[in-house]
Each structure stands twice: as structure tokens, then as C-alpha cells.
Amino acid sequence: MQISFKQQKSTGIIILDGDLNVVKVDAFRQEFNDWFSPNPEIINIVVDLTNVPMIDSAGLGLLIAFLKQVRERGGDLTLCGIQKRVSLVFDITRTKRIFGIFDTRELAVASFTE
């Protein structure tokens, strides 16, 4: 899985490419913390899942942990670009209701500026 981090004002954008599963979560957690912790100006996070074909329970758990961490800073974490197979995981686990979910990255970022 490839991870890239961007910033638009106080919104951090994480773009993922590849499966988000148990094999990848430890590295992703470390990269996220190395980026998020030293940047207190980042309040909100958008995670772009456009190129994530599969997510397992470990990946889902990591996103929930990031949501908690971001909320502790006073912000929120939203998701965008969810593929049908990944969407089923959010439906089955009923976690769709705890995340803001948008079709595109632009809509997700705009939700923080309105």
C-alpha cells in the first residue's frame, strides 16, 4: 500500500493506494503519527479510499483509532471515494454512521470549510 499526505490549510489529506489490511496497519499507523503529531495546525483529516480495493477489520479499526485521535484534537475525519466492496464492510459493521462519507475528495475537503 502506498500512502501520501497532503495539506490544505487546516485539513490533512491522506491518499491510499492498495489494500488496507492487517499486514499494512502498523506501517500506516507509524506514518500517520509521524505526520500528524508534529503538525498541530492540521485539525481535520480526509482519507481518500478511491484506490483501496479491500479493507479488513484491522484496517477499519485503524481508521476508527485515527478518528478518535483527530477528535481529541478538536477536529473530524471523513472518508471519500469508497469502492463498492469497501462500502460493504462499512455497511456490515455499521461503521458508516460514525464517519462522514463523501463521493469525492473535493466534497470531503469542502465539508470542513463551510
PDB file of N, CA and C in Angstrom:
ATOM      1  N   MET A   1       0.840  -1.171   0.000  1.00  0.00           N
ATOM      2  CA  MET A   1       0.000   0.000   0.000  1.00  0.00           C
ATOM      3  C   MET A   1       0.892   1.243   0.000  1.00  0.00           C
ATOM      4  N   GLN A   2       0.542   2.188  -0.843  1.00  0.00           N
ATOM      5  CA  GLN A   2       1.242   3.463  -0.872  1.00  0.00           C
ATOM      6  C   GLN A   2       0.388   4.499  -0.162  1.00  0.00           C
ATOM      7  N   ILE A   3       1.057   5.390   0.566  1.00  0.00           N
ATOM      8  CA  ILE A   3       0.376   6.429   1.341  1.00  0.00           C
ATOM      9  C   ILE A   3       1.015   7.763   0.985  1.00  0.00           C
ATOM     10  N   SER A   4       0.172   8.732   0.680  1.00  0.00           N
ATOM     11  CA  SER A   4       0.708  10.084   0.506  1.00  0.00           C
ATOM     12  C   SER A   4      -0.107  11.038   1.366  1.00  0.00           C
ATOM     13  N   PHE A   5       0.589  12.021   1.888  1.00  0.00           N
ATOM     14  CA  PHE A   5      -0.005  13.002   2.790  1.00  0.00           C
ATOM     15  C   PHE A   5       0.090  14.385   2.148  1.00  0.00           C
ATOM     16  N   LYS A   6      -1.023  15.118   2.218  1.00  0.00           N
ATOM     17  CA  LYS A   6      -1.065  16.485   1.715  1.00  0.00           C
ATOM     18  C   LYS A   6      -1.748  17.343   2.766  1.00  0.00           C
ATOM     19  N   GLN A   7      -1.649  18.642   2.568  1.00  0.00           N
ATOM     20  CA  GLN A   7      -2.304  19.556   3.500  1.00  0.00           C
ATOM     21  C   GLN A   7      -2.900  20.724   2.730  1.00  0.00           C
ATOM     22  N   GLN A   8      -4.157  21.038   3.051  1.00  0.00           N
ATOM     23  CA  GLN A   8      -4.841  22.208   2.527  1.00  0.00           C
ATOM     24  C   GLN A   8      -5.330  22.999   3.717  1.00  0.00           C
ATOM     25  N   LYS A   9      -4.609  24.072   4.045  1.00  0.00           N
ATOM     26  CA  LYS A   9      -4.895  24.872   5.235  1.00  0.00           C
ATOM     27  C   LYS A   9      -4.881  23.974   6.466  1.00  0.00           C
ATOM     28  N   SER A  10      -5.997  23.881   7.196  1.00  0.00           N
ATOM     29  CA  SER A  10      -6.012  23.066   8.420  1.00  0.00           C
ATOM     30  C   SER A  10      -6.528  21.650   8.172  1.00  0.00           C
ATOM     31  N   THR A  11      -6.665  21.262   6.909  1.00  0.00           N
ATOM     32  CA  THR A  11      -7.156  19.926   6.572  1.00  0.00           C
ATOM     33  C   THR A  11      -6.021  19.085   6.006  1.00  0.00           C
ATOM     34  N   GLY A  12      -5.811  17.944   6.628  1.00  0.00           N
ATOM     35  CA  GLY A  12      -4.850  16.985   6.120  1.00  0.00           C
ATOM     36  C   GLY A  12      -5.554  16.004   5.195  1.00  0.00           C
ATOM     37  N   ILE A  13      -4.881  15.616   4.143  1.00  0.00           N
ATOM     38  CA  ILE A  13      -5.451  14.683   3.174  1.00  0.00           C
ATOM     39  C   ILE A  13      -4.514  13.486   3.071  1.00  0.00           C
ATOM     40  N   ILE A  14      -5.095  12.310   3.263  1.00  0.00           N
ATOM     41  CA  ILE A  14      -4.332  11.068   3.164  1.00  0.00           C
ATOM     42  C   ILE A  14      -4.876  10.313   1.959  1.00  0.00           C
ATOM     43  N   ILE A  15      -3.994   9.990   1.020  1.00  0.00           N
ATOM     44  CA  ILE A  15      -4.386   9.270  -0.180  1.00  0.00           C
ATOM     45  C   ILE A  15      -3.760   7.882  -0.107  1.00  0.00           C
ATOM     46  N   LEU A  16      -4.628   6.874  -0.113  1.00  0.00           N
ATOM     47  CA  LEU A  16      -4.172   5.497  -0.009  1.00  0.00           C
ATOM     48  C   LEU A  16      -4.286   4.799  -1.360  1.00  0.00           C
ATOM     49  N   ASP A  17      -3.362   3.886  -1.608  1.00  0.00           N
ATOM     50  CA  ASP A  17      -3.378   3.112  -2.841  1.00  0.00           C
ATOM     51  C   ASP A  17      -2.986   1.681  -2.494  1.00  0.00           C
ATOM     52  N   GLY A  18      -3.974   0.782  -2.520  1.00  0.00           N
ATOM     53  CA  GLY A  18      -3.734  -0.612  -2.177  1.00  0.00           C
ATOM     54  C   GLY A  18      -4.631  -1.054  -1.043  1.00  0.00           C
ATOM     55  N   ASP A  19      -4.558  -2.327  -0.715  1.00  0.00           N
ATOM     56  CA  ASP A  19      -5.382  -2.884   0.350  1.00  0.00           C
ATOM     57  C   ASP A  19      -5.000  -2.308   1.708  1.00  0.00           C
ATOM     58  N   LEU A  20      -6.014  -2.063   2.534  1.00  0.00           N
ATOM     59  CA  LEU A  20      -5.797  -1.620   3.915  1.00  0.00           C
ATOM     60  C   LEU A  20      -6.155  -2.805   4.802  1.00  0.00           C
ATOM     61  N   ASN A  21      -5.127  -3.571   5.159  1.00  0.00           N
ATOM     62  CA  ASN A  21      -5.370  -4.807   5.900  1.00  0.00           C
ATOM     63  C   ASN A  21      -4.357  -4.974   7.028  1.00  0.00           C
ATOM     64  N   VAL A  22      -4.483  -6.090   7.714  1.00  0.00           N
ATOM     65  CA  VAL A  22      -3.672  -6.359   8.900  1.00  0.00           C
ATOM     66  C   VAL A  22      -2.169  -6.271   8.611  1.00  0.00           C
ATOM     67  N   VAL A  23      -1.774  -6.602   7.401  1.00  0.00           N
ATOM     68  CA  VAL A  23      -0.359  -6.565   7.044  1.00  0.00           C
ATOM     69  C   VAL A  23       0.154  -5.126   6.969  1.00  0.00           C
ATOM     70  N   LYS A  24      -0.723  -4.189   6.649  1.00  0.00           N
ATOM     71  CA  LYS A  24      -0.314  -2.809   6.396  1.00  0.00           C
ATOM     72  C   LYS A  24      -0.568  -1.836   7.555  1.00  0.00           C
ATOM     73  N   VAL A  25      -1.380  -2.214   8.539  1.00  0.00           N
ATOM     74  CA  VAL A  25      -1.825  -1.234   9.537  1.00  0.00           C
ATOM     75  C   VAL A  25      -0.699  -0.684  10.415  1.00  0.00           C
ATOM     76  N   ASP A  26       0.255  -1.488  10.796  1.00  0.00           N
ATOM     77  CA  ASP A  26       1.320  -0.993  11.673  1.00  0.00           C
ATOM     78  C   ASP A  26       2.150   0.084  10.973  1.00  0.00           C
ATOM     79  N   ALA A  27       2.495  -0.154   9.718  1.00  0.00           N
ATOM     80  CA  ALA A  27       3.272   0.835   8.969  1.00  0.00           C
ATOM     81  C   ALA A  27       2.453   2.102   8.754  1.00  0.00           C
ATOM     82  N   PHE A  28       1.165   1.952   8.445  1.00  0.00           N
ATOM     83  CA  PHE A  28       0.302   3.111   8.228  1.00  0.00           C
ATOM     84  C   PHE A  28       0.154   3.910   9.521  1.00  0.00           C
ATOM     85  N   ARG A  29      -0.038   3.233  10.646  1.00  0.00           N
ATOM     86  CA  ARG A  29      -0.146   3.913  11.942  1.00  0.00           C
ATOM     87  C   ARG A  29       1.105   4.743  12.215  1.00  0.00           C
ATOM     88  N   GLN A  30       2.261   4.156  11.977  1.00  0.00           N
ATOM     89  CA  GLN A  30       3.520   4.859  12.230  1.00  0.00           C
ATOM     90  C   GLN A  30       3.672   6.073  11.320  1.00  0.00           C
ATOM     91  N   GLU A  31       3.382   5.897  10.032  1.00  0.00           N
ATOM     92  CA  GLU A  31       3.494   7.022   9.093  1.00  0.00           C
ATOM     93  C   GLU A  31       2.509   8.134   9.441  1.00  0.00           C
ATOM     94  N   PHE A  32       1.283   7.754   9.827  1.00  0.00           N
ATOM     95  CA  PHE A  32       0.286   8.748  10.214  1.00  0.00           C
ATOM     96  C   PHE A  32       0.765   9.540  11.422  1.00  0.00           C
ATOM     97  N   ASN A  33       1.214   8.845  12.449  1.00  0.00           N
ATOM     98  CA  ASN A  33       1.668   9.520  13.674  1.00  0.00           C
ATOM     99  C   ASN A  33       2.888  10.404  13.415  1.00  0.00           C
ATOM    100  N   ASP A  34       3.798   9.950  12.550  1.00  0.00           N
ATOM    101  CA  ASP A  34       4.977  10.748  12.211  1.00  0.00           C
ATOM    102  C   ASP A  34       4.585  12.036  11.486  1.00  0.00           C
ATOM    103  N   TRP A  35       3.463  12.015  10.779  1.00  0.00           N
ATOM    104  CA  TRP A  35       2.984  13.188  10.032  1.00  0.00           C
ATOM    105  C   TRP A  35       2.042  14.051  10.874  1.00  0.00           C
ATOM    106  N   PHE A  36       1.089  13.422  11.559  1.00  0.00           N
ATOM    107  CA  PHE A  36       0.037  14.153  12.273  1.00  0.00           C
ATOM    108  C   PHE A  36       0.537  14.793  13.564  1.00  0.00           C
ATOM    109  N   SER A  37       1.271  14.058  14.354  1.00  0.00           N
ATOM    110  CA  SER A  37       1.695  14.554  15.674  1.00  0.00           C
ATOM    111  C   SER A  37       2.485  15.854  15.620  1.00  0.00           C
ATOM    112  N   PRO A  38       3.471  15.996  14.742  1.00  0.00           N
ATOM    113  CA  PRO A  38       4.245  17.234  14.744  1.00  0.00           C
ATOM    114  C   PRO A  38       3.600  18.394  13.977  1.00  0.00           C
ATOM    115  N   ASN A  39       2.372  18.220  13.518  1.00  0.00           N
ATOM    116  CA  ASN A  39       1.680  19.259  12.747  1.00  0.00           C
ATOM    117  C   ASN A  39       0.366  19.643  13.418  1.00  0.00           C
ATOM    118  N   PRO A  40       0.419  20.385  14.528  1.00  0.00           N
ATOM    119  CA  PRO A  40      -0.801  20.723  15.269  1.00  0.00           C
ATOM    120  C   PRO A  40      -1.761  21.621  14.500  1.00  0.00           C
ATOM    121  N   GLU A  41      -1.303  22.222  13.414  1.00  0.00           N
ATOM    122  CA  GLU A  41      -2.201  23.058  12.613  1.00  0.00           C
ATOM    123  C   GLU A  41      -3.198  22.218  11.799  1.00  0.00           C
ATOM    124  N   ILE A  42      -2.920  20.921  11.680  1.00  0.00           N
ATOM    125  CA  ILE A  42      -3.851  20.032  10.986  1.00  0.00           C
ATOM    126  C   ILE A  42      -4.932  19.635  11.976  1.00  0.00           C
ATOM    127  N   ILE A  43      -6.164  20.065  11.692  1.00  0.00           N
ATOM    128  CA  ILE A  43      -7.284  19.804  12.589  1.00  0.00           C
ATOM    129  C   ILE A  43      -8.156  18.671  12.044  1.00  0.00           C
ATOM    130  N   ASN A  44      -8.499  18.756  10.771  1.00  0.00           N
ATOM    131  CA  ASN A  44      -9.386  17.772  10.147  1.00  0.00           C
ATOM    132  C   ASN A  44      -8.609  16.911   9.162  1.00  0.00           C
ATOM    133  N   ILE A  45      -9.120  15.700   8.947  1.00  0.00           N
ATOM    134  CA  ILE A  45      -8.467  14.753   8.046  1.00  0.00           C
ATOM    135  C   ILE A  45      -9.483  14.202   7.051  1.00  0.00           C
ATOM    136  N   VAL A  46      -9.058  14.109   5.795  1.00  0.00           N
ATOM    137  CA  VAL A  46      -9.806  13.405   4.755  1.00  0.00           C
ATOM    138  C   VAL A  46      -8.967  12.207   4.347  1.00  0.00           C
ATOM    139  N   VAL A  47      -9.561  11.017   4.377  1.00  0.00           N
ATOM    140  CA  VAL A  47      -8.883   9.817   3.909  1.00  0.00           C
ATOM    141  C   VAL A  47      -9.519   9.422   2.579  1.00  0.00           C
ATOM    142  N   ASP A  48      -8.719   9.475   1.521  1.00  0.00           N
ATOM    143  CA  ASP A  48      -9.191   9.147   0.175  1.00  0.00           C
ATOM    144  C   ASP A  48      -8.965   7.657  -0.075  1.00  0.00           C
ATOM    145  N   LEU A  49     -10.076   6.924  -0.189  1.00  0.00           N
ATOM    146  CA  LEU A  49     -10.031   5.471  -0.376  1.00  0.00           C
ATOM    147  C   LEU A  49     -10.325   5.063  -1.818  1.00  0.00           C
ATOM    148  N   THR A  50     -10.223   5.987  -2.757  1.00  0.00           N
ATOM    149  CA  THR A  50     -10.537   5.720  -4.154  1.00  0.00           C
ATOM    150  C   THR A  50      -9.789   4.507  -4.694  1.00  0.00           C
ATOM    151  N   ASN A  51      -8.532   4.360  -4.315  1.00  0.00           N
ATOM    152  CA  ASN A  51      -7.702   3.269  -4.836  1.00  0.00           C
ATOM    153  C   ASN A  51      -7.470   2.162  -3.808  1.00  0.00           C
ATOM    154  N   VAL A  52      -8.448   2.000  -2.913  1.00  0.00           N
ATOM    155  CA  VAL A  52      -8.375   0.924  -1.910  1.00  0.00           C
ATOM    156  C   VAL A  52      -9.436  -0.114  -2.270  1.00  0.00           C
ATOM    157  N   PRO A  53      -9.016  -1.250  -2.847  1.00  0.00           N
ATOM    158  CA  PRO A  53      -9.992  -2.253  -3.265  1.00  0.00           C
ATOM    159  C   PRO A  53     -10.502  -3.145  -2.133  1.00  0.00           C
ATOM    160  N   MET A  54      -9.770  -3.172  -0.991  1.00  0.00           N
ATOM    161  CA  MET A  54     -10.168  -4.065   0.090  1.00  0.00           C
ATOM    162  C   MET A  54      -9.724  -3.477   1.427  1.00  0.00           C
ATOM    163  N   ILE A  55     -10.600  -3.634   2.426  1.00  0.00           N
ATOM    164  CA  ILE A  55     -10.266  -3.247   3.797  1.00  0.00           C
ATOM    165  C   ILE A  55     -10.747  -4.363   4.707  1.00  0.00           C
ATOM    166  N   ASP A  56      -9.938  -4.732   5.696  1.00  0.00           N
ATOM    167  CA  ASP A  56     -10.356  -5.766   6.647  1.00  0.00           C
ATOM    168  C   ASP A  56     -10.614  -5.119   8.009  1.00  0.00           C
ATOM    169  N   SER A  57     -10.890  -5.931   9.002  1.00  0.00           N
ATOM    170  CA  SER A  57     -11.244  -5.403  10.321  1.00  0.00           C
ATOM    171  C   SER A  57     -10.090  -4.622  10.947  1.00  0.00           C
ATOM    172  N   ALA A  58      -8.861  -5.016  10.678  1.00  0.00           N
ATOM    173  CA  ALA A  58      -7.715  -4.287  11.221  1.00  0.00           C
ATOM    174  C   ALA A  58      -7.625  -2.897  10.599  1.00  0.00           C
ATOM    175  N   GLY A  59      -7.858  -2.802   9.310  1.00  0.00           N
ATOM    176  CA  GLY A  59      -7.851  -1.513   8.628  1.00  0.00           C
ATOM    177  C   GLY A  59      -8.975  -0.622   9.119  1.00  0.00           C
ATOM    178  N   LEU A  60     -10.143  -1.212   9.286  1.00  0.00           N
ATOM    179  CA  LEU A  60     -11.289  -0.462   9.799  1.00  0.00           C
ATOM    180  C   LEU A  60     -11.014   0.027  11.226  1.00  0.00           C
ATOM    181  N   GLY A  61     -10.453  -0.827  12.036  1.00  0.00           N
ATOM    182  CA  GLY A  61     -10.109  -0.455  13.409  1.00  0.00           C
ATOM    183  C   GLY A  61      -9.100   0.680  13.455  1.00  0.00           C
ATOM    184  N   LEU A  62      -8.168   0.681  12.520  1.00  0.00           N
ATOM    185  CA  LEU A  62      -7.176   1.754  12.468  1.00  0.00           C
ATOM    186  C   LEU A  62      -7.830   3.084  12.100  1.00  0.00           C
ATOM    187  N   LEU A  63      -8.755   3.069  11.153  1.00  0.00           N
ATOM    188  CA  LEU A  63      -9.462   4.301  10.792  1.00  0.00           C
ATOM    189  C   LEU A  63     -10.260   4.842  11.984  1.00  0.00           C
ATOM    190  N   ILE A  64     -10.859   3.948  12.755  1.00  0.00           N
ATOM    191  CA  ILE A  64     -11.603   4.372  13.949  1.00  0.00           C
ATOM    192  C   ILE A  64     -10.642   4.966  14.985  1.00  0.00           C
ATOM    193  N   ALA A  65      -9.478   4.367  15.138  1.00  0.00           N
ATOM    194  CA  ALA A  65      -8.475   4.901  16.066  1.00  0.00           C
ATOM    195  C   ALA A  65      -8.011   6.290  15.616  1.00  0.00           C
ATOM    196  N   PHE A  66      -7.810   6.472  14.312  1.00  0.00           N
ATOM    197  CA  PHE A  66      -7.428   7.791  13.794  1.00  0.00           C
ATOM    198  C   PHE A  66      -8.547   8.801  14.038  1.00  0.00           C
ATOM    199  N   LEU A  67      -9.794   8.382  13.845  1.00  0.00           N
ATOM    200  CA  LEU A  67     -10.940   9.265  14.092  1.00  0.00           C
ATOM    201  C   LEU A  67     -10.908   9.764  15.535  1.00  0.00           C
ATOM    202  N   LYS A  68     -10.671   8.863  16.460  1.00  0.00           N
ATOM    203  CA  LYS A  68     -10.604   9.240  17.879  1.00  0.00           C
ATOM    204  C   LYS A  68      -9.460  10.219  18.130  1.00  0.00           C
ATOM    205  N   GLN A  69      -8.323   9.952  17.547  1.00  0.00           N
ATOM    206  CA  GLN A  69      -7.147  10.801  17.723  1.00  0.00           C
ATOM    207  C   GLN A  69      -7.402  12.209  17.164  1.00  0.00           C
ATOM    208  N   VAL A  70      -8.043  12.287  16.008  1.00  0.00           N
ATOM    209  CA  VAL A  70      -8.339  13.576  15.382  1.00  0.00           C
ATOM    210  C   VAL A  70      -9.385  14.331  16.198  1.00  0.00           C
ATOM    211  N   ARG A  71     -10.386  13.623  16.692  1.00  0.00           N
ATOM    212  CA  ARG A  71     -11.415  14.281  17.510  1.00  0.00           C
ATOM    213  C   ARG A  71     -10.841  14.809  18.821  1.00  0.00           C
ATOM    214  N   GLU A  72      -9.847  14.131  19.370  1.00  0.00           N
ATOM    215  CA  GLU A  72      -9.193  14.618  20.580  1.00  0.00           C
ATOM    216  C   GLU A  72      -8.496  15.958  20.327  1.00  0.00           C
ATOM    217  N   ARG A  73      -8.145  16.227  19.083  1.00  0.00           N
ATOM    218  CA  ARG A  73      -7.531  17.491  18.700  1.00  0.00           C
ATOM    219  C   ARG A  73      -8.599  18.539  18.371  1.00  0.00           C
ATOM    220  N   GLY A  74      -9.870  18.145  18.407  1.00  0.00           N
ATOM    221  CA  GLY A  74     -10.953  19.074  18.122  1.00  0.00           C
ATOM    222  C   GLY A  74     -11.418  19.061  16.686  1.00  0.00           C
ATOM    223  N   GLY A  75     -10.984  18.083  15.913  1.00  0.00           N
ATOM    224  CA  GLY A  75     -11.344  18.004  14.500  1.00  0.00           C
ATOM    225  C   GLY A  75     -12.216  16.809  14.189  1.00  0.00           C
ATOM    226  N   ASP A  76     -12.249  16.463  12.917  1.00  0.00           N
ATOM    227  CA  ASP A  76     -13.038  15.323  12.466  1.00  0.00           C
ATOM    228  C   ASP A  76     -12.291  14.640  11.326  1.00  0.00           C
ATOM    229  N   LEU A  77     -12.651  13.401  11.069  1.00  0.00           N
ATOM    230  CA  LEU A  77     -12.054  12.610   9.999  1.00  0.00           C
ATOM    231  C   LEU A  77     -13.166  12.143   9.090  1.00  0.00           C
ATOM    232  N   THR A  78     -13.029  12.397   7.797  1.00  0.00           N
ATOM    233  CA  THR A  78     -14.008  11.944   6.823  1.00  0.00           C
ATOM    234  C   THR A  78     -13.338  11.032   5.809  1.00  0.00           C
ATOM    235  N   LEU A  79     -14.169  10.286   5.112  1.00  0.00           N
ATOM    236  CA  LEU A  79     -13.699   9.355   4.090  1.00  0.00           C
ATOM    237  C   LEU A  79     -14.290   9.751   2.750  1.00  0.00           C
ATOM    238  N   CYS A  80     -13.599   9.402   1.684  1.00  0.00           N
ATOM    239  CA  CYS A  80     -14.142   9.662   0.349  1.00  0.00           C
ATOM    240  C   CYS A  80     -13.684   8.580  -0.620  1.00  0.00           C
ATOM    241  N   GLY A  81     -14.406   8.492  -1.732  1.00  0.00           N
ATOM    242  CA  GLY A  81     -14.026   7.586  -2.813  1.00  0.00           C
ATOM    243  C   GLY A  81     -14.139   6.113  -2.479  1.00  0.00           C
ATOM    244  N   ILE A  82     -15.081   5.747  -1.646  1.00  0.00           N
ATOM    245  CA  ILE A  82     -15.193   4.354  -1.211  1.00  0.00           C
ATOM    246  C   ILE A  82     -15.754   3.479  -2.330  1.00  0.00           C
ATOM    247  N   GLN A  83     -15.025   2.421  -2.652  1.00  0.00           N
ATOM    248  CA  GLN A  83     -15.467   1.454  -3.659  1.00  0.00           C
ATOM    249  C   GLN A  83     -16.557   0.559  -3.072  1.00  0.00           C
ATOM    250  N   LYS A  84     -17.307  -0.073  -3.940  1.00  0.00           N
ATOM    251  CA  LYS A  84     -18.453  -0.880  -3.519  1.00  0.00           C
ATOM    252  C   LYS A  84     -18.067  -1.976  -2.520  1.00  0.00           C
ATOM    253  N   ARG A  85     -16.994  -2.687  -2.797  1.00  0.00           N
ATOM    254  CA  ARG A  85     -16.567  -3.780  -1.906  1.00  0.00           C
ATOM    255  C   ARG A  85     -16.200  -3.254  -0.521  1.00  0.00           C
ATOM    256  N   VAL A  86     -15.528  -2.112  -0.483  1.00  0.00           N
ATOM    257  CA  VAL A  86     -15.147  -1.495   0.793  1.00  0.00           C
ATOM    258  C   VAL A  86     -16.391  -0.955   1.497  1.00  0.00           C
ATOM    259  N   SER A  87     -17.309  -0.405   0.732  1.00  0.00           N
ATOM    260  CA  SER A  87     -18.551   0.122   1.293  1.00  0.00           C
ATOM    261  C   SER A  87     -19.338  -0.965   2.021  1.00  0.00           C
ATOM    262  N   LEU A  88     -19.289  -2.181   1.498  1.00  0.00           N
ATOM    263  CA  LEU A  88     -19.986  -3.301   2.146  1.00  0.00           C
ATOM    264  C   LEU A  88     -19.444  -3.557   3.551  1.00  0.00           C
ATOM    265  N   VAL A  89     -18.144  -3.400   3.725  1.00  0.00           N
ATOM    266  CA  VAL A  89     -17.538  -3.587   5.053  1.00  0.00           C
ATOM    267  C   VAL A  89     -18.103  -2.552   6.028  1.00  0.00           C
ATOM    268  N   PHE A  90     -18.217  -1.300   5.573  1.00  0.00           N
ATOM    269  CA  PHE A  90     -18.775  -0.249   6.426  1.00  0.00           C
ATOM    270  C   PHE A  90     -20.260  -0.503   6.709  1.00  0.00           C
ATOM    271  N   ASP A  91     -20.984  -1.035   5.725  1.00  0.00           N
ATOM    272  CA  ASP A  91     -22.406  -1.357   5.914  1.00  0.00           C
ATOM    273  C   ASP A  91     -22.583  -2.495   6.920  1.00  0.00           C
ATOM    274  N   ILE A  92     -21.851  -3.572   6.717  1.00  0.00           N
ATOM    275  CA  ILE A  92     -21.986  -4.768   7.558  1.00  0.00           C
ATOM    276  C   ILE A  92     -21.623  -4.462   9.013  1.00  0.00           C
ATOM    277  N   THR A  93     -20.593  -3.654   9.202  1.00  0.00           N
ATOM    278  CA  THR A  93     -20.130  -3.345  10.562  1.00  0.00           C
ATOM    279  C   THR A  93     -20.852  -2.140  11.171  1.00  0.00           C
ATOM    280  N   ARG A  94     -21.710  -1.521  10.373  1.00  0.00           N
ATOM    281  CA  ARG A  94     -22.477  -0.346  10.790  1.00  0.00           C
ATOM    282  C   ARG A  94     -21.587   0.827  11.201  1.00  0.00           C
ATOM    283  N   THR A  95     -20.400   0.886  10.645  1.00  0.00           N
ATOM    284  CA  THR A  95     -19.494   1.989  10.959  1.00  0.00           C
ATOM    285  C   THR A  95     -19.685   3.169  10.011  1.00  0.00           C
ATOM    286  N   LYS A  96     -20.536   3.019   9.009  1.00  0.00           N
ATOM    287  CA  LYS A  96     -20.811   4.125   8.088  1.00  0.00           C
ATOM    288  C   LYS A  96     -21.381   5.328   8.824  1.00  0.00           C
ATOM    289  N   ARG A  97     -22.075   5.071   9.901  1.00  0.00           N
ATOM    290  CA  ARG A  97     -22.732   6.169  10.616  1.00  0.00           C
ATOM    291  C   ARG A  97     -21.780   6.985  11.498  1.00  0.00           C
ATOM    292  N   ILE A  98     -20.564   6.499  11.726  1.00  0.00           N
ATOM    293  CA  ILE A  98     -19.636   7.281  12.563  1.00  0.00           C
ATOM    294  C   ILE A  98     -18.683   8.140  11.738  1.00  0.00           C
ATOM    295  N   PHE A  99     -18.610   7.871  10.438  1.00  0.00           N
ATOM    296  CA  PHE A  99     -17.741   8.640   9.554  1.00  0.00           C
ATOM    297  C   PHE A  99     -18.572   9.509   8.628  1.00  0.00           C
ATOM    298  N   GLY A 100     -18.093  10.704   8.341  1.00  0.00           N
ATOM    299  CA  GLY A 100     -18.635  11.455   7.229  1.00  0.00           C
ATOM    300  C   GLY A 100     -18.080  10.818   5.967  1.00  0.00           C
ATOM    301  N   ILE A 101     -18.944  10.486   5.014  1.00  0.00           N
ATOM    302  CA  ILE A 101     -18.507   9.811   3.791  1.00  0.00           C
ATOM    303  C   ILE A 101     -18.968  10.630   2.589  1.00  0.00           C
ATOM    304  N   PHE A 102     -18.009  10.921   1.706  1.00  0.00           N
ATOM    305  CA  PHE A 102     -18.267  11.747   0.538  1.00  0.00           C
ATOM    306  C   PHE A 102     -17.824  11.012  -0.726  1.00  0.00           C
ATOM    307  N   ASP A 103     -18.433  11.373  -1.843  1.00  0.00           N
ATOM    308  CA  ASP A 103     -18.086  10.737  -3.114  1.00  0.00           C
ATOM    309  C   ASP A 103     -16.683  11.117  -3.583  1.00  0.00           C
ATOM    310  N   THR A 104     -16.329  12.392  -3.410  1.00  0.00           N
ATOM    311  CA  THR A 104     -15.040  12.871  -3.914  1.00  0.00           C
ATOM    312  C   THR A 104     -14.230  13.560  -2.819  1.00  0.00           C
ATOM    313  N   ARG A 105     -12.943  13.652  -3.074  1.00  0.00           N
ATOM    314  CA  ARG A 105     -12.048  14.336  -2.149  1.00  0.00           C
ATOM    315  C   ARG A 105     -12.418  15.808  -2.034  1.00  0.00           C
ATOM    316  N   GLU A 106     -12.781  16.429  -3.146  1.00  0.00           N
ATOM    317  CA  GLU A 106     -13.141  17.841  -3.141  1.00  0.00           C
ATOM    318  C   GLU A 106     -14.340  18.117  -2.232  1.00  0.00           C
ATOM    319  N   LEU A 107     -15.358  17.253  -2.305  1.00  0.00           N
ATOM    320  CA  LEU A 107     -16.530  17.410  -1.445  1.00  0.00           C
ATOM    321  C   LEU A 107     -16.166  17.219   0.025  1.00  0.00           C
ATOM    322  N   ALA A 108     -15.302  16.250   0.295  1.00  0.00           N
ATOM    323  CA  ALA A 108     -14.884  15.989   1.678  1.00  0.00           C
ATOM    324  C   ALA A 108     -14.122  17.177   2.251  1.00  0.00           C
ATOM    325  N   VAL A 109     -13.203  17.736   1.488  1.00  0.00           N
ATOM    326  CA  VAL A 109     -12.433  18.901   1.946  1.00  0.00           C
ATOM    327  C   VAL A 109     -13.366  20.088   2.131  1.00  0.00           C
ATOM    328  N   ALA A 110     -14.283  20.284   1.185  1.00  0.00           N
ATOM    329  CA  ALA A 110     -15.210  21.411   1.264  1.00  0.00           C
ATOM    330  C   ALA A 110     -16.117  21.319   2.487  1.00  0.00           C
ATOM    331  N   SER A 111     -16.373  20.118   2.971  1.00  0.00           N
ATOM    332  CA  SER A 111     -17.247  19.965   4.150  1.00  0.00           C
ATOM    333  C   SER A 111     -16.640  20.621   5.383  1.00  0.00           C
ATOM    334  N   PHE A 112     -15.329  20.788   5.400  1.00  0.00           N
ATOM    335  CA  PHE A 112     -14.660  21.414   6.543  1.00  0.00           C
ATOM    336  C   PHE A 112     -14.572  22.932   6.410  1.00  0.00           C
ATOM    337  N   THR A 113     -14.758  23.438   5.219  1.00  0.00           N
ATOM    338  CA  THR A 113     -14.615  24.883   5.021  1.00  0.00           C
ATOM    339  C   THR A 113     -15.946  25.609   4.999  1.00  0.00           C
ATOM    340  N   GLU A 114     -17.040  24.870   5.053  1.00  0.00           N
ATOM    341  CA  GLU A 114     -18.356  25.509   5.006  1.00  0.00           C
ATOM    342  C   GLU A 114     -18.791  25.923   6.393  1.00  0.00           C
TER     343      GLU A 114
END
